[in-house]
Amino acid sequence: MSGDHARSASALFRSAAQLVAPPHAARHGRREGLGRRLRRRIRAYRDVEFLSTHIPGDPGPGHECLLLVHVRKVVGQVHYQICTACGDGVITGVDIDEYFLSNGLGNRALSHLRARHPVITWRSTLTLRTTRDLLRRMRIPAAPADVACVHGLATTAPVAAG
């Protein structure tokens, strides 16, 4: 008999070899992370709905917002402007919760916009690194923020009666 049965179970009496985690613990942790990421991606593709809405406060014609909704909670927004007269669309904001950020939800949202408005040519005014990378992957060119559509300005100006 080795006498291990008579030793105390506290950490003070354990040998250094017993305190080190077994070698398979790191591999197991990695698999759990991969499975967690996969479940998040599946949840992002299966459970997130897209709702198009006009921005409250009426900032102008063509200003819209695509809401990304997961179980009655808004987890992201894509702000955009559309001018149907010239067939131009500008993405002015992309905001996605961190939990869904690296799960392809941004790609899915921009693809949804392209499918919803197939004749619109899209560009973006965003300059942040994460959104810039997303827009580059989706092949949406950058545009200066001060370039506005002539048609959008004409529809917001007051029309003289007469």
N, C-alpha and C. Protein backbone atom coordinates (compact mmCIF):
# COMPACT_ATOMS: atom_id res chain seq x y z
N MET A 1 0.83 -1.18 0.00
CA MET A 1 0.00 0.00 0.00
C MET A 1 0.87 1.24 0.00
N SER A 2 0.40 2.27 -0.70
CA SER A 2 1.23 3.46 -0.84
C SER A 2 1.00 4.45 0.28
N GLY A 3 -0.12 4.39 0.94
CA GLY A 3 -0.38 5.31 2.03
C GLY A 3 -1.10 6.56 1.61
N ASP A 4 -1.51 6.66 0.34
CA ASP A 4 -2.24 7.84 -0.14
C ASP A 4 -3.60 7.99 0.53
N HIS A 5 -4.17 6.88 0.96
CA HIS A 5 -5.49 6.94 1.56
C HIS A 5 -5.48 7.65 2.92
N ALA A 6 -4.33 7.74 3.54
CA ALA A 6 -4.25 8.35 4.86
C ALA A 6 -3.93 9.84 4.80
N ARG A 7 -3.63 10.38 3.62
CA ARG A 7 -3.27 11.79 3.50
C ARG A 7 -4.50 12.67 3.47
N SER A 8 -4.32 13.91 3.88
CA SER A 8 -5.40 14.89 3.89
C SER A 8 -5.72 15.32 2.45
N ALA A 9 -6.94 15.71 2.21
CA ALA A 9 -7.37 16.13 0.87
C ALA A 9 -7.09 17.60 0.61
N SER A 10 -6.60 18.36 1.56
CA SER A 10 -6.37 19.78 1.35
C SER A 10 -5.16 20.00 0.44
N ALA A 11 -5.06 21.19 -0.12
CA ALA A 11 -3.99 21.52 -1.07
C ALA A 11 -2.63 21.63 -0.38
N LEU A 12 -2.61 21.80 0.93
CA LEU A 12 -1.33 21.94 1.62
C LEU A 12 -0.51 20.66 1.57
N PHE A 13 -1.16 19.52 1.52
CA PHE A 13 -0.44 18.26 1.58
C PHE A 13 -0.30 17.57 0.23
N ARG A 14 -0.71 18.22 -0.84
CA ARG A 14 -0.58 17.60 -2.16
C ARG A 14 0.81 17.87 -2.72
N SER A 15 1.25 16.98 -3.55
CA SER A 15 2.54 17.19 -4.22
C SER A 15 2.35 18.14 -5.39
N ALA A 16 3.44 18.68 -5.90
CA ALA A 16 3.39 19.62 -7.01
C ALA A 16 2.80 18.96 -8.26
N ALA A 17 3.05 17.68 -8.46
CA ALA A 17 2.53 16.97 -9.62
C ALA A 17 1.01 16.86 -9.57
N GLN A 18 0.45 16.78 -8.36
CA GLN A 18 -0.99 16.67 -8.24
C GLN A 18 -1.68 18.02 -8.45
N LEU A 19 -0.99 19.14 -8.22
CA LEU A 19 -1.58 20.46 -8.37
C LEU A 19 -1.68 20.92 -9.82
N VAL A 20 -0.84 20.37 -10.70
CA VAL A 20 -0.85 20.74 -12.11
C VAL A 20 -2.05 20.08 -12.79
N ALA A 21 -2.72 20.83 -13.66
CA ALA A 21 -3.89 20.29 -14.36
C ALA A 21 -3.45 19.22 -15.36
N PRO A 22 -4.26 18.24 -15.59
CA PRO A 22 -3.91 17.20 -16.55
C PRO A 22 -3.74 17.79 -17.95
N PRO A 23 -2.93 17.17 -18.80
CA PRO A 23 -2.63 17.75 -20.11
C PRO A 23 -3.84 17.86 -21.03
N HIS A 24 -4.87 17.07 -20.82
CA HIS A 24 -6.03 17.13 -21.71
C HIS A 24 -6.98 18.27 -21.36
N ALA A 25 -6.75 18.98 -20.28
CA ALA A 25 -7.67 20.06 -19.87
C ALA A 25 -7.63 21.21 -20.87
N ALA A 26 -6.48 21.56 -21.41
CA ALA A 26 -6.39 22.67 -22.35
C ALA A 26 -7.12 22.34 -23.65
N ARG A 27 -6.98 21.13 -24.13
CA ARG A 27 -7.66 20.75 -25.35
C ARG A 27 -9.17 20.76 -25.15
N HIS A 28 -9.60 20.33 -24.00
CA HIS A 28 -11.03 20.30 -23.72
C HIS A 28 -11.59 21.73 -23.69
N GLY A 29 -10.86 22.65 -23.12
CA GLY A 29 -11.30 24.04 -23.06
C GLY A 29 -11.42 24.65 -24.44
N ARG A 30 -10.51 24.30 -25.34
CA ARG A 30 -10.55 24.82 -26.69
C ARG A 30 -11.79 24.31 -27.44
N ARG A 31 -12.10 23.05 -27.26
CA ARG A 31 -13.28 22.50 -27.92
C ARG A 31 -14.54 23.18 -27.42
N GLU A 32 -14.58 23.46 -26.15
CA GLU A 32 -15.75 24.12 -25.60
C GLU A 32 -15.92 25.51 -26.21
N GLY A 33 -14.82 26.23 -26.40
CA GLY A 33 -14.88 27.55 -27.02
C GLY A 33 -15.33 27.48 -28.46
N LEU A 34 -14.86 26.49 -29.20
CA LEU A 34 -15.25 26.32 -30.59
C LEU A 34 -16.74 25.99 -30.68
N GLY A 35 -17.21 25.13 -29.80
CA GLY A 35 -18.63 24.79 -29.78
C GLY A 35 -19.49 25.98 -29.41
N ARG A 36 -19.01 26.77 -28.48
CA ARG A 36 -19.74 27.97 -28.06
C ARG A 36 -19.85 28.96 -29.22
N ARG A 37 -18.74 29.15 -29.96
CA ARG A 37 -18.75 30.03 -31.11
C ARG A 37 -19.70 29.53 -32.20
N LEU A 38 -19.71 28.23 -32.40
CA LEU A 38 -20.60 27.64 -33.39
C LEU A 38 -22.07 27.82 -33.00
N ARG A 39 -22.36 27.63 -31.72
CA ARG A 39 -23.74 27.85 -31.26
C ARG A 39 -24.15 29.31 -31.42
N ARG A 40 -23.25 30.24 -31.17
CA ARG A 40 -23.55 31.66 -31.37
C ARG A 40 -23.84 31.97 -32.83
N ARG A 41 -23.03 31.39 -33.73
CA ARG A 41 -23.24 31.62 -35.17
C ARG A 41 -24.58 31.05 -35.61
N ILE A 42 -24.92 29.87 -35.14
CA ILE A 42 -26.21 29.27 -35.48
C ILE A 42 -27.34 30.14 -34.94
N ARG A 43 -27.20 30.61 -33.71
CA ARG A 43 -28.22 31.48 -33.12
C ARG A 43 -28.35 32.78 -33.91
N ALA A 44 -27.22 33.33 -34.37
CA ALA A 44 -27.26 34.57 -35.13
C ALA A 44 -27.97 34.38 -36.46
N TYR A 45 -27.82 33.23 -37.08
CA TYR A 45 -28.45 33.00 -38.37
C TYR A 45 -29.88 32.51 -38.24
N ARG A 46 -30.21 31.81 -37.16
CA ARG A 46 -31.54 31.23 -37.03
C ARG A 46 -32.51 32.14 -36.28
N ASP A 47 -32.07 32.77 -35.22
CA ASP A 47 -32.98 33.46 -34.31
C ASP A 47 -33.06 34.97 -34.49
N VAL A 48 -32.20 35.57 -35.28
CA VAL A 48 -32.21 37.02 -35.44
C VAL A 48 -33.10 37.39 -36.62
N GLU A 49 -34.05 38.29 -36.38
CA GLU A 49 -34.96 38.77 -37.42
C GLU A 49 -34.58 40.18 -37.82
N PHE A 50 -34.92 40.54 -39.06
CA PHE A 50 -34.64 41.88 -39.58
C PHE A 50 -35.95 42.64 -39.72
N LEU A 51 -36.00 43.83 -39.15
CA LEU A 51 -37.17 44.69 -39.26
C LEU A 51 -36.73 46.05 -39.78
N SER A 52 -37.34 46.48 -40.85
CA SER A 52 -37.01 47.78 -41.41
C SER A 52 -37.96 48.82 -40.83
N THR A 53 -37.41 49.94 -40.44
CA THR A 53 -38.22 50.97 -39.81
C THR A 53 -37.74 52.34 -40.25
N HIS A 54 -38.62 53.27 -40.21
CA HIS A 54 -38.27 54.67 -40.45
C HIS A 54 -37.80 55.26 -39.13
N ILE A 55 -36.78 56.08 -39.14
CA ILE A 55 -36.22 56.63 -37.91
C ILE A 55 -37.21 57.62 -37.29
N PRO A 56 -37.50 57.48 -36.00
CA PRO A 56 -38.41 58.43 -35.35
C PRO A 56 -37.86 59.85 -35.38
N GLY A 57 -38.73 60.82 -35.44
CA GLY A 57 -38.30 62.21 -35.48
C GLY A 57 -38.20 62.73 -36.90
N ASP A 58 -38.43 61.87 -37.90
CA ASP A 58 -38.43 62.23 -39.30
C ASP A 58 -37.24 63.10 -39.69
N PRO A 59 -35.99 62.54 -39.69
CA PRO A 59 -34.83 63.34 -40.07
C PRO A 59 -34.82 63.70 -41.54
N GLY A 60 -35.63 63.08 -42.34
CA GLY A 60 -35.70 63.40 -43.76
C GLY A 60 -36.15 62.19 -44.54
N PRO A 61 -36.49 62.38 -45.80
CA PRO A 61 -36.93 61.25 -46.60
C PRO A 61 -35.76 60.32 -46.91
N GLY A 62 -36.03 59.05 -46.89
CA GLY A 62 -35.01 58.08 -47.23
C GLY A 62 -34.14 57.65 -46.07
N HIS A 63 -34.25 58.26 -44.91
CA HIS A 63 -33.46 57.86 -43.74
C HIS A 63 -34.17 56.68 -43.09
N GLU A 64 -33.54 55.55 -43.11
CA GLU A 64 -34.16 54.35 -42.56
C GLU A 64 -33.19 53.61 -41.67
N CYS A 65 -33.72 52.62 -40.95
CA CYS A 65 -32.92 51.83 -40.03
C CYS A 65 -33.36 50.37 -40.14
N LEU A 66 -32.41 49.48 -40.27
CA LEU A 66 -32.68 48.05 -40.26
C LEU A 66 -32.37 47.55 -38.85
N LEU A 67 -33.39 47.08 -38.15
CA LEU A 67 -33.21 46.58 -36.79
C LEU A 67 -32.93 45.09 -36.82
N LEU A 68 -31.95 44.65 -36.03
CA LEU A 68 -31.64 43.23 -35.88
C LEU A 68 -32.20 42.82 -34.52
N VAL A 69 -33.20 41.97 -34.51
CA VAL A 69 -33.94 41.65 -33.30
C VAL A 69 -33.74 40.17 -32.96
N HIS A 70 -33.33 39.93 -31.72
CA HIS A 70 -33.17 38.57 -31.20
C HIS A 70 -34.04 38.43 -29.96
N VAL A 71 -35.09 37.65 -30.05
CA VAL A 71 -36.02 37.38 -28.95
C VAL A 71 -36.46 38.68 -28.28
N ARG A 72 -37.13 39.52 -29.01
CA ARG A 72 -37.70 40.79 -28.54
C ARG A 72 -36.67 41.79 -28.02
N LYS A 73 -35.42 41.62 -28.40
CA LYS A 73 -34.37 42.54 -27.98
C LYS A 73 -33.59 42.98 -29.22
N VAL A 74 -33.41 44.28 -29.37
CA VAL A 74 -32.65 44.80 -30.50
C VAL A 74 -31.17 44.58 -30.22
N VAL A 75 -30.52 43.77 -31.07
CA VAL A 75 -29.10 43.46 -30.88
C VAL A 75 -28.22 44.16 -31.90
N GLY A 76 -28.84 44.91 -32.81
CA GLY A 76 -28.05 45.65 -33.79
C GLY A 76 -28.91 46.56 -34.64
N GLN A 77 -28.25 47.52 -35.26
CA GLN A 77 -28.93 48.47 -36.13
C GLN A 77 -28.02 48.81 -37.30
N VAL A 78 -28.61 48.96 -38.48
CA VAL A 78 -27.90 49.45 -39.65
C VAL A 78 -28.68 50.67 -40.13
N HIS A 79 -28.06 51.85 -40.04
CA HIS A 79 -28.68 53.09 -40.49
C HIS A 79 -28.27 53.35 -41.93
N TYR A 80 -29.24 53.73 -42.75
CA TYR A 80 -28.94 53.97 -44.16
C TYR A 80 -29.91 54.98 -44.74
N GLN A 81 -29.50 55.54 -45.88
CA GLN A 81 -30.33 56.50 -46.62
C GLN A 81 -30.45 55.98 -48.05
N ILE A 82 -31.64 56.16 -48.62
CA ILE A 82 -31.87 55.69 -49.98
C ILE A 82 -32.48 56.81 -50.80
N CYS A 83 -32.00 56.97 -52.01
CA CYS A 83 -32.62 57.85 -52.99
C CYS A 83 -33.01 56.97 -54.17
N THR A 84 -34.30 56.75 -54.34
CA THR A 84 -34.76 55.88 -55.43
C THR A 84 -34.65 56.57 -56.79
N ALA A 85 -34.61 57.90 -56.81
CA ALA A 85 -34.52 58.63 -58.07
C ALA A 85 -33.18 58.39 -58.77
N CYS A 86 -32.09 58.40 -58.00
CA CYS A 86 -30.78 58.17 -58.61
C CYS A 86 -30.25 56.76 -58.34
N GLY A 87 -30.97 55.97 -57.55
CA GLY A 87 -30.56 54.59 -57.29
C GLY A 87 -29.32 54.50 -56.43
N ASP A 88 -29.21 55.38 -55.46
CA ASP A 88 -28.02 55.45 -54.60
C ASP A 88 -28.42 55.19 -53.16
N GLY A 89 -27.62 54.40 -52.46
CA GLY A 89 -27.84 54.14 -51.04
C GLY A 89 -26.56 54.36 -50.27
N VAL A 90 -26.68 54.96 -49.09
CA VAL A 90 -25.53 55.27 -48.26
C VAL A 90 -25.74 54.64 -46.88
N ILE A 91 -24.80 53.81 -46.46
CA ILE A 91 -24.83 53.23 -45.12
C ILE A 91 -24.14 54.21 -44.19
N THR A 92 -24.89 54.71 -43.21
CA THR A 92 -24.35 55.74 -42.32
C THR A 92 -24.01 55.22 -40.94
N GLY A 93 -24.43 54.01 -40.60
CA GLY A 93 -24.11 53.48 -39.28
C GLY A 93 -24.38 52.00 -39.17
N VAL A 94 -23.45 51.28 -38.56
CA VAL A 94 -23.63 49.85 -38.26
C VAL A 94 -23.29 49.67 -36.80
N ASP A 95 -24.25 49.17 -36.03
CA ASP A 95 -24.04 48.96 -34.60
C ASP A 95 -24.57 47.57 -34.24
N ILE A 96 -23.67 46.68 -33.83
CA ILE A 96 -24.04 45.31 -33.47
C ILE A 96 -23.46 45.00 -32.10
N ASP A 97 -24.26 44.35 -31.25
CA ASP A 97 -23.80 43.97 -29.91
C ASP A 97 -22.55 43.09 -30.00
N GLU A 98 -21.69 43.19 -28.98
CA GLU A 98 -20.44 42.43 -28.96
C GLU A 98 -20.68 40.93 -29.02
N TYR A 99 -21.76 40.47 -28.42
CA TYR A 99 -22.05 39.03 -28.40
C TYR A 99 -22.22 38.48 -29.82
N PHE A 100 -22.80 39.27 -30.72
CA PHE A 100 -23.06 38.83 -32.08
C PHE A 100 -22.06 39.41 -33.08
N LEU A 101 -21.05 40.11 -32.62
CA LEU A 101 -20.17 40.85 -33.51
C LEU A 101 -19.36 39.96 -34.46
N SER A 102 -18.77 38.89 -33.96
CA SER A 102 -17.90 38.07 -34.80
C SER A 102 -18.59 36.80 -35.29
N ASN A 103 -19.91 36.86 -35.46
CA ASN A 103 -20.64 35.67 -35.88
C ASN A 103 -21.25 35.79 -37.26
N GLY A 104 -20.85 36.76 -38.03
CA GLY A 104 -21.36 36.91 -39.38
C GLY A 104 -22.67 37.65 -39.48
N LEU A 105 -23.13 38.23 -38.39
CA LEU A 105 -24.40 38.94 -38.41
C LEU A 105 -24.32 40.23 -39.23
N GLY A 106 -23.18 40.89 -39.22
CA GLY A 106 -23.01 42.09 -40.04
C GLY A 106 -23.08 41.76 -41.53
N ASN A 107 -22.42 40.68 -41.94
CA ASN A 107 -22.49 40.25 -43.33
C ASN A 107 -23.92 39.93 -43.72
N ARG A 108 -24.62 39.24 -42.84
CA ARG A 108 -26.00 38.85 -43.12
C ARG A 108 -26.90 40.08 -43.24
N ALA A 109 -26.69 41.08 -42.38
CA ALA A 109 -27.51 42.29 -42.42
C ALA A 109 -27.29 43.07 -43.71
N LEU A 110 -26.04 43.22 -44.12
CA LEU A 110 -25.76 43.96 -45.36
C LEU A 110 -26.24 43.19 -46.58
N SER A 111 -26.14 41.87 -46.54
CA SER A 111 -26.68 41.05 -47.63
C SER A 111 -28.20 41.19 -47.70
N HIS A 112 -28.84 41.29 -46.54
CA HIS A 112 -30.28 41.49 -46.49
C HIS A 112 -30.66 42.83 -47.12
N LEU A 113 -29.88 43.88 -46.84
CA LEU A 113 -30.14 45.19 -47.46
C LEU A 113 -30.02 45.11 -48.98
N ARG A 114 -28.99 44.43 -49.45
CA ARG A 114 -28.81 44.30 -50.89
C ARG A 114 -29.96 43.52 -51.53
N ALA A 115 -30.45 42.51 -50.85
CA ALA A 115 -31.55 41.72 -51.38
C ALA A 115 -32.87 42.51 -51.33
N ARG A 116 -33.05 43.30 -50.30
CA ARG A 116 -34.28 44.08 -50.15
C ARG A 116 -34.35 45.22 -51.17
N HIS A 117 -33.20 45.80 -51.53
CA HIS A 117 -33.13 46.90 -52.49
C HIS A 117 -32.14 46.51 -53.59
N PRO A 118 -32.56 45.68 -54.55
CA PRO A 118 -31.61 45.13 -55.52
C PRO A 118 -31.09 46.14 -56.54
N VAL A 119 -31.80 47.21 -56.82
CA VAL A 119 -31.36 48.16 -57.85
C VAL A 119 -30.53 49.30 -57.27
N ILE A 120 -30.34 49.32 -55.97
CA ILE A 120 -29.60 50.40 -55.31
C ILE A 120 -28.10 50.09 -55.34
N THR A 121 -27.30 51.11 -55.65
CA THR A 121 -25.84 51.02 -55.57
C THR A 121 -25.43 51.55 -54.21
N TRP A 122 -24.76 50.71 -53.43
CA TRP A 122 -24.44 51.06 -52.04
C TRP A 122 -23.05 51.63 -51.92
N ARG A 123 -22.90 52.57 -50.99
CA ARG A 123 -21.61 53.11 -50.55
C ARG A 123 -21.72 53.41 -49.07
N SER A 124 -20.63 53.77 -48.44
CA SER A 124 -20.65 53.97 -46.99
C SER A 124 -19.84 55.19 -46.59
N THR A 125 -20.23 55.77 -45.46
CA THR A 125 -19.50 56.91 -44.90
C THR A 125 -18.78 56.52 -43.61
N LEU A 126 -18.74 55.24 -43.27
CA LEU A 126 -18.15 54.80 -42.01
C LEU A 126 -16.64 54.69 -42.11
N THR A 127 -15.96 55.07 -41.02
CA THR A 127 -14.50 55.06 -41.02
C THR A 127 -13.90 54.24 -39.89
N LEU A 128 -14.70 53.70 -38.98
CA LEU A 128 -14.15 52.88 -37.91
C LEU A 128 -13.57 51.59 -38.48
N ARG A 129 -12.58 51.05 -37.82
CA ARG A 129 -11.86 49.90 -38.35
C ARG A 129 -12.76 48.68 -38.53
N THR A 130 -13.58 48.37 -37.53
CA THR A 130 -14.42 47.17 -37.62
C THR A 130 -15.45 47.28 -38.74
N THR A 131 -16.08 48.43 -38.85
CA THR A 131 -17.06 48.59 -39.92
C THR A 131 -16.39 48.73 -41.28
N ARG A 132 -15.21 49.33 -41.31
CA ARG A 132 -14.48 49.45 -42.57
C ARG A 132 -14.10 48.08 -43.10
N ASP A 133 -13.68 47.17 -42.22
CA ASP A 133 -13.34 45.81 -42.63
C ASP A 133 -14.58 45.06 -43.12
N LEU A 134 -15.69 45.23 -42.43
CA LEU A 134 -16.94 44.60 -42.85
C LEU A 134 -17.36 45.08 -44.23
N LEU A 135 -17.30 46.38 -44.46
CA LEU A 135 -17.71 46.93 -45.74
C LEU A 135 -16.75 46.53 -46.86
N ARG A 136 -15.48 46.39 -46.54
CA ARG A 136 -14.52 45.94 -47.54
C ARG A 136 -14.82 44.49 -47.94
N ARG A 137 -15.15 43.64 -46.95
CA ARG A 137 -15.51 42.25 -47.25
C ARG A 137 -16.76 42.18 -48.11
N MET A 138 -17.69 43.08 -47.89
CA MET A 138 -18.95 43.09 -48.64
C MET A 138 -18.85 43.89 -49.94
N ARG A 139 -17.67 44.41 -50.24
CA ARG A 139 -17.39 45.18 -51.45
C ARG A 139 -18.29 46.42 -51.58
N ILE A 140 -18.38 47.14 -50.48
CA ILE A 140 -19.13 48.40 -50.47
C ILE A 140 -18.10 49.52 -50.36
N PRO A 141 -17.97 50.38 -51.37
CA PRO A 141 -16.93 51.41 -51.35
C PRO A 141 -17.23 52.51 -50.34
N ALA A 142 -16.16 53.15 -49.90
CA ALA A 142 -16.27 54.28 -48.97
C ALA A 142 -16.54 55.55 -49.77
N ALA A 143 -17.26 56.47 -49.14
CA ALA A 143 -17.57 57.75 -49.77
C ALA A 143 -17.42 58.84 -48.72
N PRO A 144 -17.09 60.05 -49.12
CA PRO A 144 -17.01 61.14 -48.14
C PRO A 144 -18.37 61.42 -47.51
N ALA A 145 -18.36 61.82 -46.26
CA ALA A 145 -19.61 62.05 -45.53
C ALA A 145 -20.35 63.28 -46.02
N ASP A 146 -19.65 64.22 -46.62
CA ASP A 146 -20.31 65.47 -47.01
C ASP A 146 -20.98 65.40 -48.38
N VAL A 147 -20.82 64.30 -49.12
CA VAL A 147 -21.47 64.16 -50.41
C VAL A 147 -22.92 63.75 -50.18
N ALA A 148 -23.83 64.59 -50.61
CA ALA A 148 -25.26 64.32 -50.42
C ALA A 148 -25.93 64.18 -51.78
N CYS A 149 -27.03 63.49 -51.79
CA CYS A 149 -27.80 63.29 -53.00
C CYS A 149 -28.58 64.57 -53.34
N VAL A 150 -28.56 64.98 -54.58
CA VAL A 150 -29.26 66.18 -55.01
C VAL A 150 -30.77 65.97 -54.87
N HIS A 151 -31.25 64.78 -55.15
CA HIS A 151 -32.67 64.49 -55.05
C HIS A 151 -33.15 64.56 -53.60
N GLY A 152 -32.36 64.08 -52.67
CA GLY A 152 -32.72 64.13 -51.26
C GLY A 152 -32.82 65.55 -50.75
N LEU A 153 -31.91 66.41 -51.21
CA LEU A 153 -31.96 67.81 -50.81
C LEU A 153 -33.16 68.51 -51.43
N ALA A 154 -33.51 68.14 -52.66
CA ALA A 154 -34.63 68.79 -53.34
C ALA A 154 -35.95 68.42 -52.68
N THR A 155 -36.08 67.19 -52.16
CA THR A 155 -37.35 66.79 -51.56
C THR A 155 -37.51 67.35 -50.16
N THR A 156 -36.43 67.72 -49.49
CA THR A 156 -36.56 68.28 -48.15
C THR A 156 -36.77 69.79 -48.17
N ALA A 157 -36.46 70.43 -49.31
CA ALA A 157 -36.65 71.88 -49.40
C ALA A 157 -38.14 72.18 -49.53
N PRO A 158 -38.60 73.30 -48.95
CA PRO A 158 -40.02 73.65 -49.06
C PRO A 158 -40.39 73.98 -50.51
N VAL A 159 -41.55 73.52 -50.90
CA VAL A 159 -42.02 73.74 -52.26
C VAL A 159 -42.91 74.98 -52.27
N ALA A 160 -42.62 75.89 -53.18
CA ALA A 160 -43.42 77.12 -53.27
C ALA A 160 -44.72 76.82 -54.00
N ALA A 161 -45.82 77.29 -53.42
CA ALA A 161 -47.12 77.08 -54.06
C ALA A 161 -47.32 78.11 -55.16
N GLY A 162 -47.93 77.69 -56.27
CA GLY A 162 -48.19 78.70 -57.25
C GLY A 162 -48.17 78.21 -58.56
